[in-house]
Amino acid sequence: MNKYKYHHLGVPTARELPGEDYIPHLKCYASGFEKSPFGIEWMKFDDDCTVPELVKTVPHLAFVVDNLAEAIEGKEILIKPNSPSKGINVAFIIDNGAPVELLQFDSADSEVWPENALYR
């Protein structure tokens, strides 16, 4: 059985983001995660971004799981499992109308956390 470990809160925004990073293959910007002790990540999307509208308009919670395939079994899939960067696999599900991101890291060394995370 999977354990769900809080990782971050993704909050969509249309405002300019301080220190934003552009993610070209997703056509979006992200900011704040590395410095937030609570793991809050602000996200801004290009007009032609293909991420589902639910992710672009509703905040999402993200959890680290041991087994992504097991964690999404029987769930409503919003974004299929994929590997946005080396060492990580992610998928989005819908829970009670809200997007939830599930992350599986290949190893503890590949886990990415905010500098001063209060919850690791």
PDB file of N, CA and C in Angstrom:
ATOM      1  N   MET A   1       0.839  -1.182   0.000  1.00  0.00           N
ATOM      2  CA  MET A   1       0.000   0.000   0.000  1.00  0.00           C
ATOM      3  C   MET A   1       0.884   1.246   0.000  1.00  0.00           C
ATOM      4  N   ASN A   2       0.535   2.201  -0.838  1.00  0.00           N
ATOM      5  CA  ASN A   2       1.290   3.445  -0.950  1.00  0.00           C
ATOM      6  C   ASN A   2       1.130   4.325   0.279  1.00  0.00           C
ATOM      7  N   LYS A   3       2.207   4.996   0.621  1.00  0.00           N
ATOM      8  CA  LYS A   3       2.145   6.094   1.576  1.00  0.00           C
ATOM      9  C   LYS A   3       2.141   7.356   0.733  1.00  0.00           C
ATOM     10  N   TYR A   4       1.362   8.335   1.132  1.00  0.00           N
ATOM     11  CA  TYR A   4       1.294   9.604   0.422  1.00  0.00           C
ATOM     12  C   TYR A   4       2.008  10.645   1.263  1.00  0.00           C
ATOM     13  N   LYS A   5       3.096  11.203   0.732  1.00  0.00           N
ATOM     14  CA  LYS A   5       3.897  12.192   1.451  1.00  0.00           C
ATOM     15  C   LYS A   5       3.737  13.542   0.746  1.00  0.00           C
ATOM     16  N   TYR A   6       3.257  14.540   1.486  1.00  0.00           N
ATOM     17  CA  TYR A   6       3.055  15.866   0.899  1.00  0.00           C
ATOM     18  C   TYR A   6       4.333  16.341   0.219  1.00  0.00           C
ATOM     19  N   HIS A   7       4.186  16.923  -0.978  1.00  0.00           N
ATOM     20  CA  HIS A   7       5.324  17.472  -1.703  1.00  0.00           C
ATOM     21  C   HIS A   7       5.164  18.956  -1.995  1.00  0.00           C
ATOM     22  N   HIS A   8       4.047  19.354  -2.606  1.00  0.00           N
ATOM     23  CA  HIS A   8       3.847  20.772  -2.887  1.00  0.00           C
ATOM     24  C   HIS A   8       2.386  21.098  -3.174  1.00  0.00           C
ATOM     25  N   LEU A   9       2.124  22.384  -3.186  1.00  0.00           N
ATOM     26  CA  LEU A   9       0.840  22.935  -3.602  1.00  0.00           C
ATOM     27  C   LEU A   9       1.117  23.772  -4.836  1.00  0.00           C
ATOM     28  N   GLY A  10       0.488  23.445  -5.950  1.00  0.00           N
ATOM     29  CA  GLY A  10       0.639  24.205  -7.188  1.00  0.00           C
ATOM     30  C   GLY A  10      -0.528  25.169  -7.335  1.00  0.00           C
ATOM     31  N   VAL A  11      -0.214  26.461  -7.477  1.00  0.00           N
ATOM     32  CA  VAL A  11      -1.252  27.486  -7.552  1.00  0.00           C
ATOM     33  C   VAL A  11      -1.164  28.203  -8.894  1.00  0.00           C
ATOM     34  N   PRO A  12      -2.205  28.091  -9.725  1.00  0.00           N
ATOM     35  CA  PRO A  12      -2.201  28.802 -11.008  1.00  0.00           C
ATOM     36  C   PRO A  12      -2.343  30.305 -10.800  1.00  0.00           C
ATOM     37  N   THR A  13      -1.676  31.073 -11.645  1.00  0.00           N
ATOM     38  CA  THR A  13      -1.757  32.525 -11.574  1.00  0.00           C
ATOM     39  C   THR A  13      -1.556  33.108 -12.958  1.00  0.00           C
ATOM     40  N   ALA A  14      -1.996  34.338 -13.137  1.00  0.00           N
ATOM     41  CA  ALA A  14      -1.761  35.053 -14.401  1.00  0.00           C
ATOM     42  C   ALA A  14      -0.753  36.170 -14.187  1.00  0.00           C
ATOM     43  N   ARG A  15      -0.327  36.403 -12.950  1.00  0.00           N
ATOM     44  CA  ARG A  15       0.577  37.517 -12.655  1.00  0.00           C
ATOM     45  C   ARG A  15       2.032  37.152 -12.948  1.00  0.00           C
ATOM     46  N   GLU A  16       2.867  38.186 -13.084  1.00  0.00           N
ATOM     47  CA  GLU A  16       4.301  37.966 -13.268  1.00  0.00           C
ATOM     48  C   GLU A  16       4.857  37.299 -12.013  1.00  0.00           C
ATOM     49  N   LEU A  17       5.769  36.378 -12.210  1.00  0.00           N
ATOM     50  CA  LEU A  17       6.323  35.622 -11.090  1.00  0.00           C
ATOM     51  C   LEU A  17       7.772  36.015 -10.831  1.00  0.00           C
ATOM     52  N   PRO A  18       8.122  36.292  -9.579  1.00  0.00           N
ATOM     53  CA  PRO A  18       9.516  36.609  -9.278  1.00  0.00           C
ATOM     54  C   PRO A  18      10.390  35.360  -9.439  1.00  0.00           C
ATOM     55  N   GLY A  19      11.495  35.497 -10.130  1.00  0.00           N
ATOM     56  CA  GLY A  19      12.420  34.378 -10.301  1.00  0.00           C
ATOM     57  C   GLY A  19      11.814  33.190 -11.017  1.00  0.00           C
ATOM     58  N   GLU A  20      10.902  33.447 -11.950  1.00  0.00           N
ATOM     59  CA  GLU A  20      10.216  32.354 -12.622  1.00  0.00           C
ATOM     60  C   GLU A  20      11.150  31.556 -13.520  1.00  0.00           C
ATOM     61  N   ASP A  21      10.887  30.272 -13.592  1.00  0.00           N
ATOM     62  CA  ASP A  21      11.591  29.365 -14.497  1.00  0.00           C
ATOM     63  C   ASP A  21      10.620  28.959 -15.590  1.00  0.00           C
ATOM     64  N   TYR A  22      11.094  29.001 -16.843  1.00  0.00           N
ATOM     65  CA  TYR A  22      10.250  28.586 -17.956  1.00  0.00           C
ATOM     66  C   TYR A  22      10.478  27.114 -18.234  1.00  0.00           C
ATOM     67  N   ILE A  23       9.391  26.373 -18.422  1.00  0.00           N
ATOM     68  CA  ILE A  23       9.447  24.950 -18.733  1.00  0.00           C
ATOM     69  C   ILE A  23       8.943  24.801 -20.174  1.00  0.00           C
ATOM     70  N   PRO A  24       9.863  24.799 -21.150  1.00  0.00           N
ATOM     71  CA  PRO A  24       9.473  24.876 -22.559  1.00  0.00           C
ATOM     72  C   PRO A  24       8.534  23.773 -23.029  1.00  0.00           C
ATOM     73  N   HIS A  25       8.784  22.523 -22.652  1.00  0.00           N
ATOM     74  CA  HIS A  25       7.954  21.438 -23.178  1.00  0.00           C
ATOM     75  C   HIS A  25       6.528  21.468 -22.610  1.00  0.00           C
ATOM     76  N   LEU A  26       6.317  22.166 -21.497  1.00  0.00           N
ATOM     77  CA  LEU A  26       4.968  22.316 -20.941  1.00  0.00           C
ATOM     78  C   LEU A  26       4.359  23.680 -21.251  1.00  0.00           C
ATOM     79  N   LYS A  27       5.191  24.604 -21.754  1.00  0.00           N
ATOM     80  CA  LYS A  27       4.761  25.969 -22.064  1.00  0.00           C
ATOM     81  C   LYS A  27       4.157  26.655 -20.840  1.00  0.00           C
ATOM     82  N   CYS A  28       4.926  26.581 -19.742  1.00  0.00           N
ATOM     83  CA  CYS A  28       4.482  27.242 -18.516  1.00  0.00           C
ATOM     84  C   CYS A  28       5.686  27.718 -17.711  1.00  0.00           C
ATOM     85  N   TYR A  29       5.391  28.551 -16.726  1.00  0.00           N
ATOM     86  CA  TYR A  29       6.398  29.099 -15.828  1.00  0.00           C
ATOM     87  C   TYR A  29       6.109  28.585 -14.424  1.00  0.00           C
ATOM     88  N   ALA A  30       7.157  28.433 -13.627  1.00  0.00           N
ATOM     89  CA  ALA A  30       6.999  28.032 -12.230  1.00  0.00           C
ATOM     90  C   ALA A  30       7.901  28.902 -11.375  1.00  0.00           C
ATOM     91  N   SER A  31       7.444  29.177 -10.159  1.00  0.00           N
ATOM     92  CA  SER A  31       8.208  30.036  -9.270  1.00  0.00           C
ATOM     93  C   SER A  31       7.869  29.731  -7.813  1.00  0.00           C
ATOM     94  N   GLY A  32       8.844  29.900  -6.941  1.00  0.00           N
ATOM     95  CA  GLY A  32       8.601  29.870  -5.515  1.00  0.00           C
ATOM     96  C   GLY A  32       8.858  28.566  -4.806  1.00  0.00           C
ATOM     97  N   PHE A  33       8.798  27.442  -5.499  1.00  0.00           N
ATOM     98  CA  PHE A  33       8.889  26.135  -4.840  1.00  0.00           C
ATOM     99  C   PHE A  33      10.173  25.966  -4.034  1.00  0.00           C
ATOM    100  N   GLU A  34      11.308  26.307  -4.619  1.00  0.00           N
ATOM    101  CA  GLU A  34      12.596  26.064  -3.965  1.00  0.00           C
ATOM    102  C   GLU A  34      12.735  26.805  -2.649  1.00  0.00           C
ATOM    103  N   LYS A  35      12.121  27.985  -2.538  1.00  0.00           N
ATOM    104  CA  LYS A  35      12.284  28.829  -1.354  1.00  0.00           C
ATOM    105  C   LYS A  35      11.146  28.701  -0.344  1.00  0.00           C
ATOM    106  N   SER A  36      10.019  28.154  -0.725  1.00  0.00           N
ATOM    107  CA  SER A  36       8.865  28.084   0.170  1.00  0.00           C
ATOM    108  C   SER A  36       9.006  26.935   1.160  1.00  0.00           C
ATOM    109  N   PRO A  37       8.993  27.219   2.456  1.00  0.00           N
ATOM    110  CA  PRO A  37       9.083  26.122   3.425  1.00  0.00           C
ATOM    111  C   PRO A  37       7.837  25.238   3.399  1.00  0.00           C
ATOM    112  N   PHE A  38       6.770  25.722   2.759  1.00  0.00           N
ATOM    113  CA  PHE A  38       5.525  24.974   2.673  1.00  0.00           C
ATOM    114  C   PHE A  38       5.355  24.284   1.316  1.00  0.00           C
ATOM    115  N   GLY A  39       6.312  24.479   0.416  1.00  0.00           N
ATOM    116  CA  GLY A  39       6.237  23.847  -0.897  1.00  0.00           C
ATOM    117  C   GLY A  39       5.181  24.458  -1.790  1.00  0.00           C
ATOM    118  N   ILE A  40       5.034  25.779  -1.743  1.00  0.00           N
ATOM    119  CA  ILE A  40       4.059  26.443  -2.612  1.00  0.00           C
ATOM    120  C   ILE A  40       4.744  26.808  -3.922  1.00  0.00           C
ATOM    121  N   GLU A  41       4.165  26.343  -5.019  1.00  0.00           N
ATOM    122  CA  GLU A  41       4.691  26.601  -6.351  1.00  0.00           C
ATOM    123  C   GLU A  41       3.641  27.369  -7.145  1.00  0.00           C
ATOM    124  N   TRP A  42       4.015  28.549  -7.613  1.00  0.00           N
ATOM    125  CA  TRP A  42       3.130  29.358  -8.454  1.00  0.00           C
ATOM    126  C   TRP A  42       3.365  28.959  -9.895  1.00  0.00           C
ATOM    127  N   MET A  43       2.291  28.852 -10.681  1.00  0.00           N
ATOM    128  CA  MET A  43       2.394  28.416 -12.063  1.00  0.00           C
ATOM    129  C   MET A  43       1.625  29.366 -12.968  1.00  0.00           C
ATOM    130  N   LYS A  44       2.283  29.764 -14.062  1.00  0.00           N
ATOM    131  CA  LYS A  44       1.661  30.626 -15.074  1.00  0.00           C
ATOM    132  C   LYS A  44       1.788  29.902 -16.408  1.00  0.00           C
ATOM    133  N   PHE A  45       0.723  29.914 -17.204  1.00  0.00           N
ATOM    134  CA  PHE A  45       0.664  29.112 -18.418  1.00  0.00           C
ATOM    135  C   PHE A  45       0.593  29.984 -19.665  1.00  0.00           C
ATOM    136  N   ASP A  46       1.350  29.590 -20.704  1.00  0.00           N
ATOM    137  CA  ASP A  46       1.220  30.246 -22.009  1.00  0.00           C
ATOM    138  C   ASP A  46      -0.182  29.994 -22.561  1.00  0.00           C
ATOM    139  N   ASP A  47      -0.627  30.879 -23.449  1.00  0.00           N
ATOM    140  CA  ASP A  47      -1.956  30.730 -24.051  1.00  0.00           C
ATOM    141  C   ASP A  47      -2.102  29.403 -24.803  1.00  0.00           C
ATOM    142  N   ASP A  48      -1.008  28.917 -25.401  1.00  0.00           N
ATOM    143  CA  ASP A  48      -1.081  27.678 -26.172  1.00  0.00           C
ATOM    144  C   ASP A  48      -0.624  26.443 -25.389  1.00  0.00           C
ATOM    145  N   CYS A  49      -0.552  26.559 -24.067  1.00  0.00           N
ATOM    146  CA  CYS A  49      -0.195  25.424 -23.218  1.00  0.00           C
ATOM    147  C   CYS A  49      -1.281  24.357 -23.312  1.00  0.00           C
ATOM    148  N   THR A  50      -0.882  23.102 -23.444  1.00  0.00           N
ATOM    149  CA  THR A  50      -1.850  22.014 -23.619  1.00  0.00           C
ATOM    150  C   THR A  50      -2.192  21.293 -22.312  1.00  0.00           C
ATOM    151  N   VAL A  51      -1.683  21.783 -21.193  1.00  0.00           N
ATOM    152  CA  VAL A  51      -2.034  21.205 -19.894  1.00  0.00           C
ATOM    153  C   VAL A  51      -3.553  21.340 -19.719  1.00  0.00           C
ATOM    154  N   PRO A  52      -4.233  20.342 -19.144  1.00  0.00           N
ATOM    155  CA  PRO A  52      -5.686  20.423 -18.983  1.00  0.00           C
ATOM    156  C   PRO A  52      -6.133  21.690 -18.240  1.00  0.00           C
ATOM    157  N   GLU A  53      -7.274  22.199 -18.646  1.00  0.00           N
ATOM    158  CA  GLU A  53      -7.825  23.436 -18.074  1.00  0.00           C
ATOM    159  C   GLU A  53      -7.955  23.352 -16.553  1.00  0.00           C
ATOM    160  N   LEU A  54      -8.286  22.197 -16.029  1.00  0.00           N
ATOM    161  CA  LEU A  54      -8.430  22.031 -14.583  1.00  0.00           C
ATOM    162  C   LEU A  54      -7.128  22.352 -13.850  1.00  0.00           C
ATOM    163  N   VAL A  55      -5.998  21.953 -14.411  1.00  0.00           N
ATOM    164  CA  VAL A  55      -4.692  22.242 -13.802  1.00  0.00           C
ATOM    165  C   VAL A  55      -4.360  23.725 -13.943  1.00  0.00           C
ATOM    166  N   LYS A  56      -4.800  24.338 -15.045  1.00  0.00           N
ATOM    167  CA  LYS A  56      -4.513  25.760 -15.277  1.00  0.00           C
ATOM    168  C   LYS A  56      -5.389  26.687 -14.452  1.00  0.00           C
ATOM    169  N   THR A  57      -6.467  26.169 -13.872  1.00  0.00           N
ATOM    170  CA  THR A  57      -7.413  27.047 -13.179  1.00  0.00           C
ATOM    171  C   THR A  57      -7.673  26.700 -11.718  1.00  0.00           C
ATOM    172  N   VAL A  58      -7.329  25.483 -11.294  1.00  0.00           N
ATOM    173  CA  VAL A  58      -7.602  25.053  -9.921  1.00  0.00           C
ATOM    174  C   VAL A  58      -6.289  24.628  -9.264  1.00  0.00           C
ATOM    175  N   PRO A  59      -5.989  25.106  -8.048  1.00  0.00           N
ATOM    176  CA  PRO A  59      -4.769  24.659  -7.360  1.00  0.00           C
ATOM    177  C   PRO A  59      -4.759  23.133  -7.214  1.00  0.00           C
ATOM    178  N   HIS A  60      -3.541  22.577  -7.228  1.00  0.00           N
ATOM    179  CA  HIS A  60      -3.416  21.133  -7.047  1.00  0.00           C
ATOM    180  C   HIS A  60      -2.467  20.815  -5.901  1.00  0.00           C
ATOM    181  N   LEU A  61      -2.761  19.737  -5.203  1.00  0.00           N
ATOM    182  CA  LEU A  61      -1.848  19.193  -4.207  1.00  0.00           C
ATOM    183  C   LEU A  61      -1.018  18.115  -4.869  1.00  0.00           C
ATOM    184  N   ALA A  62       0.230  17.978  -4.422  1.00  0.00           N
ATOM    185  CA  ALA A  62       1.106  16.946  -4.972  1.00  0.00           C
ATOM    186  C   ALA A  62       1.666  16.099  -3.835  1.00  0.00           C
ATOM    187  N   PHE A  63       1.709  14.801  -4.078  1.00  0.00           N
ATOM    188  CA  PHE A  63       2.200  13.856  -3.088  1.00  0.00           C
ATOM    189  C   PHE A  63       3.219  12.923  -3.720  1.00  0.00           C
ATOM    190  N   VAL A  64       4.246  12.560  -2.973  1.00  0.00           N
ATOM    191  CA  VAL A  64       5.209  11.549  -3.395  1.00  0.00           C
ATOM    192  C   VAL A  64       4.643  10.189  -3.016  1.00  0.00           C
ATOM    193  N   VAL A  65       4.705   9.251  -3.948  1.00  0.00           N
ATOM    194  CA  VAL A  65       4.250   7.878  -3.706  1.00  0.00           C
ATOM    195  C   VAL A  65       5.385   6.919  -4.031  1.00  0.00           C
ATOM    196  N   ASP A  66       5.316   5.735  -3.453  1.00  0.00           N
ATOM    197  CA  ASP A  66       6.326   4.706  -3.721  1.00  0.00           C
ATOM    198  C   ASP A  66       6.102   4.026  -5.062  1.00  0.00           C
ATOM    199  N   ASN A  67       4.829   3.873  -5.446  1.00  0.00           N
ATOM    200  CA  ASN A  67       4.491   3.134  -6.656  1.00  0.00           C
ATOM    201  C   ASN A  67       3.388   3.887  -7.399  1.00  0.00           C
ATOM    202  N   LEU A  68       3.778   4.618  -8.442  1.00  0.00           N
ATOM    203  CA  LEU A  68       2.833   5.455  -9.181  1.00  0.00           C
ATOM    204  C   LEU A  68       1.724   4.623  -9.830  1.00  0.00           C
ATOM    205  N   ALA A  69       2.080   3.527 -10.446  1.00  0.00           N
ATOM    206  CA  ALA A  69       1.079   2.686 -11.122  1.00  0.00           C
ATOM    207  C   ALA A  69       0.011   2.223 -10.129  1.00  0.00           C
ATOM    208  N   GLU A  70       0.434   1.810  -8.964  1.00  0.00           N
ATOM    209  CA  GLU A  70      -0.500   1.372  -7.931  1.00  0.00           C
ATOM    210  C   GLU A  70      -1.353   2.543  -7.429  1.00  0.00           C
ATOM    211  N   ALA A  71      -0.742   3.702  -7.279  1.00  0.00           N
ATOM    212  CA  ALA A  71      -1.446   4.873  -6.741  1.00  0.00           C
ATOM    213  C   ALA A  71      -2.550   5.377  -7.661  1.00  0.00           C
ATOM    214  N   ILE A  72      -2.385   5.202  -8.965  1.00  0.00           N
ATOM    215  CA  ILE A  72      -3.405   5.714  -9.896  1.00  0.00           C
ATOM    216  C   ILE A  72      -4.429   4.646 -10.297  1.00  0.00           C
ATOM    217  N   GLU A  73      -4.194   3.416  -9.879  1.00  0.00           N
ATOM    218  CA  GLU A  73      -5.093   2.333 -10.246  1.00  0.00           C
ATOM    219  C   GLU A  73      -6.521   2.628  -9.773  1.00  0.00           C
ATOM    220  N   GLY A  74      -7.463   2.573 -10.709  1.00  0.00           N
ATOM    221  CA  GLY A  74      -8.863   2.796 -10.391  1.00  0.00           C
ATOM    222  C   GLY A  74      -9.252   4.256 -10.210  1.00  0.00           C
ATOM    223  N   LYS A  75      -8.296   5.177 -10.429  1.00  0.00           N
ATOM    224  CA  LYS A  75      -8.560   6.609 -10.272  1.00  0.00           C
ATOM    225  C   LYS A  75      -8.900   7.237 -11.621  1.00  0.00           C
ATOM    226  N   GLU A  76      -9.542   8.395 -11.576  1.00  0.00           N
ATOM    227  CA  GLU A  76      -9.829   9.152 -12.792  1.00  0.00           C
ATOM    228  C   GLU A  76      -8.547   9.880 -13.203  1.00  0.00           C
ATOM    229  N   ILE A  77      -7.973   9.502 -14.326  1.00  0.00           N
ATOM    230  CA  ILE A  77      -6.696  10.049 -14.791  1.00  0.00           C
ATOM    231  C   ILE A  77      -6.928  11.362 -15.531  1.00  0.00           C
ATOM    232  N   LEU A  78      -6.222  12.395 -15.114  1.00  0.00           N
ATOM    233  CA  LEU A  78      -6.271  13.692 -15.784  1.00  0.00           C
ATOM    234  C   LEU A  78      -5.081  13.835 -16.735  1.00  0.00           C
ATOM    235  N   ILE A  79      -3.885  13.491 -16.260  1.00  0.00           N
ATOM    236  CA  ILE A  79      -2.668  13.481 -17.082  1.00  0.00           C
ATOM    237  C   ILE A  79      -1.998  12.125 -16.873  1.00  0.00           C
ATOM    238  N   LYS A  80      -1.799  11.407 -17.974  1.00  0.00           N
ATOM    239  CA  LYS A  80      -1.196  10.078 -17.922  1.00  0.00           C
ATOM    240  C   LYS A  80       0.203  10.138 -17.308  1.00  0.00           C
ATOM    241  N   PRO A  81       0.675   9.004 -16.759  1.00  0.00           N
ATOM    242  CA  PRO A  81       2.035   8.966 -16.240  1.00  0.00           C
ATOM    243  C   PRO A  81       3.036   9.396 -17.308  1.00  0.00           C
ATOM    244  N   ASN A  82       3.984  10.223 -16.889  1.00  0.00           N
ATOM    245  CA  ASN A  82       5.019  10.724 -17.792  1.00  0.00           C
ATOM    246  C   ASN A  82       6.237  11.095 -16.969  1.00  0.00           C
ATOM    247  N   SER A  83       7.336  11.328 -17.648  1.00  0.00           N
ATOM    248  CA  SER A  83       8.584  11.691 -16.987  1.00  0.00           C
ATOM    249  C   SER A  83       9.005  13.086 -17.443  1.00  0.00           C
ATOM    250  N   PRO A  84       8.644  14.123 -16.660  1.00  0.00           N
ATOM    251  CA  PRO A  84       8.974  15.492 -17.063  1.00  0.00           C
ATOM    252  C   PRO A  84      10.468  15.802 -16.971  1.00  0.00           C
ATOM    253  N   SER A  85      11.192  15.041 -16.132  1.00  0.00           N
ATOM    254  CA  SER A  85      12.638  15.184 -16.043  1.00  0.00           C
ATOM    255  C   SER A  85      13.227  13.888 -15.496  1.00  0.00           C
ATOM    256  N   LYS A  86      14.529  13.742 -15.668  1.00  0.00           N
ATOM    257  CA  LYS A  86      15.209  12.504 -15.278  1.00  0.00           C
ATOM    258  C   LYS A  86      15.001  12.209 -13.795  1.00  0.00           C
ATOM    259  N   GLY A  87      14.656  10.963 -13.511  1.00  0.00           N
ATOM    260  CA  GLY A  87      14.535  10.520 -12.129  1.00  0.00           C
ATOM    261  C   GLY A  87      13.156  10.679 -11.509  1.00  0.00           C
ATOM    262  N   ILE A  88      12.190  11.168 -12.294  1.00  0.00           N
ATOM    263  CA  ILE A  88      10.862  11.395 -11.745  1.00  0.00           C
ATOM    264  C   ILE A  88       9.780  10.983 -12.739  1.00  0.00           C
ATOM    265  N   ASN A  89       8.732  10.378 -12.225  1.00  0.00           N
ATOM    266  CA  ASN A  89       7.539  10.062 -13.000  1.00  0.00           C
ATOM    267  C   ASN A  89       6.354  10.681 -12.281  1.00  0.00           C
ATOM    268  N   VAL A  90       5.451  11.269 -13.049  1.00  0.00           N
ATOM    269  CA  VAL A  90       4.294  11.939 -12.457  1.00  0.00           C
ATOM    270  C   VAL A  90       3.023  11.573 -13.215  1.00  0.00           C
ATOM    271  N   ALA A  91       1.909  11.738 -12.539  1.00  0.00           N
ATOM    272  CA  ALA A  91       0.589  11.620 -13.148  1.00  0.00           C
ATOM    273  C   ALA A  91      -0.340  12.526 -12.354  1.00  0.00           C
ATOM    274  N   PHE A  92      -1.405  12.985 -12.999  1.00  0.00           N
ATOM    275  CA  PHE A  92      -2.438  13.764 -12.321  1.00  0.00           C
ATOM    276  C   PHE A  92      -3.718  12.954 -12.329  1.00  0.00           C
ATOM    277  N   ILE A  93      -4.395  12.945 -11.195  1.00  0.00           N
ATOM    278  CA  ILE A  93      -5.709  12.335 -11.091  1.00  0.00           C
ATOM    279  C   ILE A  93      -6.695  13.423 -10.669  1.00  0.00           C
ATOM    280  N   ILE A  94      -7.971  13.091 -10.732  1.00  0.00           N
ATOM    281  CA  ILE A  94      -9.009  14.005 -10.245  1.00  0.00           C
ATOM    282  C   ILE A  94      -9.619  13.379  -9.004  1.00  0.00           C
ATOM    283  N   ASP A  95      -9.643  14.132  -7.928  1.00  0.00           N
ATOM    284  CA  ASP A  95     -10.259  13.681  -6.689  1.00  0.00           C
ATOM    285  C   ASP A  95     -11.311  14.691  -6.268  1.00  0.00           C
ATOM    286  N   ASN A  96     -12.563  14.282  -6.290  1.00  0.00           N
ATOM    287  CA  ASN A  96     -13.662  15.154  -5.878  1.00  0.00           C
ATOM    288  C   ASN A  96     -13.641  16.483  -6.634  1.00  0.00           C
ATOM    289  N   GLY A  97     -13.296  16.435  -7.919  1.00  0.00           N
ATOM    290  CA  GLY A  97     -13.290  17.623  -8.762  1.00  0.00           C
ATOM    291  C   GLY A  97     -12.005  18.423  -8.746  1.00  0.00           C
ATOM    292  N   ALA A  98     -11.032  18.012  -7.936  1.00  0.00           N
ATOM    293  CA  ALA A  98      -9.768  18.751  -7.830  1.00  0.00           C
ATOM    294  C   ALA A  98      -8.617  17.946  -8.413  1.00  0.00           C
ATOM    295  N   PRO A  99      -7.653  18.627  -9.048  1.00  0.00           N
ATOM    296  CA  PRO A  99      -6.484  17.914  -9.563  1.00  0.00           C
ATOM    297  C   PRO A  99      -5.521  17.554  -8.431  1.00  0.00           C
ATOM    298  N   VAL A 100      -4.968  16.355  -8.510  1.00  0.00           N
ATOM    299  CA  VAL A 100      -3.971  15.883  -7.555  1.00  0.00           C
ATOM    300  C   VAL A 100      -2.815  15.320  -8.364  1.00  0.00           C
ATOM    301  N   GLU A 101      -1.607  15.773  -8.049  1.00  0.00           N
ATOM    302  CA  GLU A 101      -0.408  15.275  -8.730  1.00  0.00           C
ATOM    303  C   GLU A 101       0.247  14.219  -7.853  1.00  0.00           C
ATOM    304  N   LEU A 102       0.628  13.113  -8.474  1.00  0.00           N
ATOM    305  CA  LEU A 102       1.346  12.053  -7.772  1.00  0.00           C
ATOM    306  C   LEU A 102       2.715  11.909  -8.417  1.00  0.00           C
ATOM    307  N   LEU A 103       3.751  11.885  -7.582  1.00  0.00           N
ATOM    308  CA  LEU A 103       5.129  11.836  -8.056  1.00  0.00           C
ATOM    309  C   LEU A 103       5.821  10.595  -7.521  1.00  0.00           C
ATOM    310  N   GLN A 104       6.584   9.951  -8.375  1.00  0.00           N
ATOM    311  CA  GLN A 104       7.428   8.836  -7.954  1.00  0.00           C
ATOM    312  C   GLN A 104       8.848   9.156  -8.375  1.00  0.00           C
ATOM    313  N   PHE A 105       9.752   9.216  -7.408  1.00  0.00           N
ATOM    314  CA  PHE A 105      11.166   9.463  -7.690  1.00  0.00           C
ATOM    315  C   PHE A 105      11.879   8.129  -7.825  1.00  0.00           C
ATOM    316  N   ASP A 106      12.839   8.050  -8.760  1.00  0.00           N
ATOM    317  CA  ASP A 106      13.579   6.811  -8.974  1.00  0.00           C
ATOM    318  C   ASP A 106      14.407   6.415  -7.760  1.00  0.00           C
ATOM    319  N   SER A 107      14.898   7.421  -7.031  1.00  0.00           N
ATOM    320  CA  SER A 107      15.701   7.166  -5.840  1.00  0.00           C
ATOM    321  C   SER A 107      15.624   8.374  -4.924  1.00  0.00           C
ATOM    322  N   ALA A 108      16.020   8.187  -3.683  1.00  0.00           N
ATOM    323  CA  ALA A 108      16.019   9.307  -2.731  1.00  0.00           C
ATOM    324  C   ALA A 108      16.927  10.426  -3.227  1.00  0.00           C
ATOM    325  N   ASP A 109      17.990  10.072  -3.943  1.00  0.00           N
ATOM    326  CA  ASP A 109      18.915  11.078  -4.472  1.00  0.00           C
ATOM    327  C   ASP A 109      18.266  11.963  -5.527  1.00  0.00           C
ATOM    328  N   SER A 110      17.242  11.460  -6.189  1.00  0.00           N
ATOM    329  CA  SER A 110      16.603  12.249  -7.238  1.00  0.00           C
ATOM    330  C   SER A 110      15.431  13.078  -6.712  1.00  0.00           C
ATOM    331  N   GLU A 111      15.068  12.913  -5.431  1.00  0.00           N
ATOM    332  CA  GLU A 111      13.961  13.669  -4.857  1.00  0.00           C
ATOM    333  C   GLU A 111      14.310  15.150  -4.779  1.00  0.00           C
ATOM    334  N   VAL A 112      13.358  15.986  -5.160  1.00  0.00           N
ATOM    335  CA  VAL A 112      13.543  17.431  -5.150  1.00  0.00           C
ATOM    336  C   VAL A 112      12.610  18.024  -4.103  1.00  0.00           C
ATOM    337  N   TRP A 113      13.176  18.801  -3.181  1.00  0.00           N
ATOM    338  CA  TRP A 113      12.410  19.408  -2.095  1.00  0.00           C
ATOM    339  C   TRP A 113      12.830  20.857  -1.933  1.00  0.00           C
ATOM    340  N   PRO A 114      11.945  21.694  -1.400  1.00  0.00           N
ATOM    341  CA  PRO A 114      12.332  23.080  -1.112  1.00  0.00           C
ATOM    342  C   PRO A 114      13.500  23.109  -0.119  1.00  0.00           C
ATOM    343  N   GLU A 115      14.311  24.147  -0.203  1.00  0.00           N
ATOM    344  CA  GLU A 115      15.499  24.285   0.647  1.00  0.00           C
ATOM    345  C   GLU A 115      15.189  24.111   2.129  1.00  0.00           C
ATOM    346  N   ASN A 116      14.155  24.780   2.602  1.00  0.00           N
ATOM    347  CA  ASN A 116      13.846  24.789   4.032  1.00  0.00           C
ATOM    348  C   ASN A 116      12.502  24.123   4.328  1.00  0.00           C
ATOM    349  N   ALA A 117      12.225  23.030   3.638  1.00  0.00           N
ATOM    350  CA  ALA A 117      10.922  22.361   3.801  1.00  0.00           C
ATOM    351  C   ALA A 117      10.671  21.986   5.247  1.00  0.00           C
ATOM    352  N   LEU A 118       9.505  22.324   5.734  1.00  0.00           N
ATOM    353  CA  LEU A 118       9.122  22.018   7.117  1.00  0.00           C
ATOM    354  C   LEU A 118       8.537  20.624   7.249  1.00  0.00           C
ATOM    355  N   TYR A 119       8.339  19.914   6.156  1.00  0.00           N
ATOM    356  CA  TYR A 119       7.539  18.696   6.171  1.00  0.00           C
ATOM    357  C   TYR A 119       8.258  17.461   5.651  1.00  0.00           C
ATOM    358  N   ARG A 120       9.541  17.549   5.373  1.00  0.00           N
ATOM    359  CA  ARG A 120      10.248  16.397   4.787  1.00  0.00           C
ATOM    360  C   ARG A 120      10.382  15.270   5.744  1.00  0.00           C
TER     361      ARG A 120
END
